[in-house]
Amino acid sequence: MNENKDYVVVTAISMYRMRYVMHRDDLTISSPGIKTTLTGNISEIEIAKDTVTMNEQEEFSQEHVGEYIIDTARMAEANVLELFDEENDYLSEWPKERKLAHIRNSAID
């Protein structure tokens, strides 16, 4: 059976350059209930990297550096609806017609 492939799905990764700025005096080593200033063998660079990794610092700036297409596929309507429900589970209760209208109307003019 040759199923009609009505849709094209493009998967892309969007990348941003994020920058964080911290004053050296604000860099501390955190452990449960204890905050200490720079000591011993741990450098301020390592503490700053840990601070960013742990989402403990607001970003200073960001710049979009590109979008890269990593995959494309042709899909039948039934498969697109299944994908819609998997990736938008909070909208899975929408009726089929609303889901398809949402997909068809998401193109940027």
Protein backbone atom coordinates (compact mmCIF):
# COMPACT_ATOMS: atom_id res chain seq x y z
CA MET A 1 0.00 0.00 0.00
CA ASN A 2 1.50 3.33 -1.06
CA GLU A 3 0.63 5.83 1.68
CA ASN A 4 0.39 9.48 0.65
CA LYS A 5 3.18 11.62 2.13
CA ASP A 6 1.39 14.95 2.65
CA TYR A 7 3.89 16.67 4.95
CA VAL A 8 7.60 17.40 5.12
CA VAL A 9 9.19 17.52 8.58
CA VAL A 10 12.47 19.41 9.03
CA THR A 11 14.43 18.98 12.26
CA ALA A 12 16.89 21.75 13.07
CA ILE A 13 19.14 22.86 15.90
CA SER A 14 19.24 26.57 16.70
CA MET A 15 22.39 27.83 18.40
CA TYR A 16 23.05 30.90 20.51
CA ARG A 17 26.25 32.41 21.83
CA MET A 18 25.61 33.19 25.49
CA ARG A 19 27.85 35.45 27.56
CA TYR A 20 27.96 35.68 31.36
CA VAL A 21 29.85 38.30 33.38
CA MET A 22 30.70 37.93 37.07
CA HIS A 23 32.82 40.02 39.42
CA ARG A 24 35.63 38.03 41.06
CA ASP A 25 34.43 39.08 44.52
CA ASP A 26 31.09 37.39 43.83
CA LEU A 27 32.59 34.01 42.95
CA THR A 28 32.16 31.57 45.83
CA ILE A 29 32.41 27.86 46.40
CA SER A 30 28.99 26.58 47.44
CA SER A 31 28.30 23.50 49.47
CA PRO A 32 25.18 22.66 51.50
CA GLY A 33 24.66 25.61 53.84
CA ILE A 34 28.20 26.96 53.40
CA LYS A 35 29.56 29.64 51.08
CA THR A 36 33.28 30.37 51.08
CA THR A 37 35.40 32.69 48.97
CA LEU A 38 38.14 31.61 46.56
CA THR A 39 40.52 29.20 48.23
CA GLY A 40 43.12 26.59 47.54
CA ASN A 41 43.40 24.87 44.20
CA ILE A 42 40.04 25.90 42.75
CA SER A 43 40.44 28.79 40.30
CA GLU A 44 37.96 31.59 39.73
CA ILE A 45 37.61 30.31 36.15
CA GLU A 46 36.45 26.90 37.39
CA ILE A 47 34.04 28.47 39.86
CA ALA A 48 32.65 30.76 37.13
CA LYS A 49 32.17 27.78 34.79
CA ASP A 50 30.40 25.83 37.55
CA THR A 51 28.20 28.85 38.31
CA VAL A 52 27.05 28.98 34.68
CA THR A 53 26.64 25.20 34.43
CA MET A 54 24.44 25.18 37.54
CA ASN A 55 22.26 28.01 36.09
CA GLU A 56 23.18 30.27 39.00
CA GLN A 57 24.08 33.31 36.86
CA GLU A 58 21.91 35.47 34.62
CA GLU A 59 23.13 35.86 31.07
CA PHE A 60 24.88 39.10 30.16
CA SER A 61 24.04 38.87 26.45
CA GLN A 62 23.19 36.44 23.68
CA GLU A 63 23.46 36.30 19.92
CA HIS A 64 21.86 33.85 17.52
CA VAL A 65 24.70 32.21 15.60
CA GLY A 66 22.83 29.91 13.31
CA GLU A 67 20.34 27.19 12.65
CA TYR A 68 21.44 23.83 11.31
CA ILE A 69 19.16 21.31 9.61
CA ILE A 70 19.94 17.84 10.89
CA ASP A 71 17.10 15.78 9.43
CA THR A 72 14.22 15.85 6.96
CA ALA A 73 11.42 13.39 6.34
CA ARG A 74 8.19 13.02 4.39
CA MET A 75 5.25 12.02 6.56
CA ALA A 76 1.66 11.06 6.09
CA GLU A 77 -0.99 12.98 7.99
CA ALA A 78 -1.51 10.17 10.52
CA ASN A 79 2.20 10.15 11.37
CA VAL A 80 2.31 13.94 11.67
CA LEU A 81 -0.63 13.82 14.08
CA GLU A 82 1.14 11.15 16.12
CA LEU A 83 4.29 13.32 16.19
CA PHE A 84 2.18 16.33 17.19
CA ASP A 85 0.77 14.43 20.17
CA GLU A 86 4.20 13.12 21.23
CA GLU A 87 5.93 16.49 21.08
CA ASN A 88 2.99 18.65 22.23
CA ASP A 89 1.37 16.38 24.78
CA TYR A 90 -0.29 19.36 26.47
CA LEU A 91 -2.27 19.90 23.23
CA SER A 92 -3.07 16.25 22.58
CA GLU A 93 -6.72 16.78 23.55
CA TRP A 94 -7.22 19.14 20.61
CA PRO A 95 -9.41 17.68 17.87
CA LYS A 96 -7.70 16.54 14.68
CA GLU A 97 -8.99 19.52 12.68
CA ARG A 98 -7.53 22.04 15.15
CA LYS A 99 -4.13 20.29 15.15
CA LEU A 100 -3.99 20.31 11.35
CA ALA A 101 -5.08 23.96 11.20
CA HIS A 102 -2.34 24.83 13.70
CA ILE A 103 0.27 23.04 11.58
CA ARG A 104 -0.92 24.60 8.33
CA ASN A 105 -1.13 28.12 9.82
CA SER A 106 2.30 28.07 11.49
CA ALA A 107 4.12 29.25 8.35
CA ILE A 108 5.65 32.72 8.62
CA ASP A 109 4.22 35.13 6.04
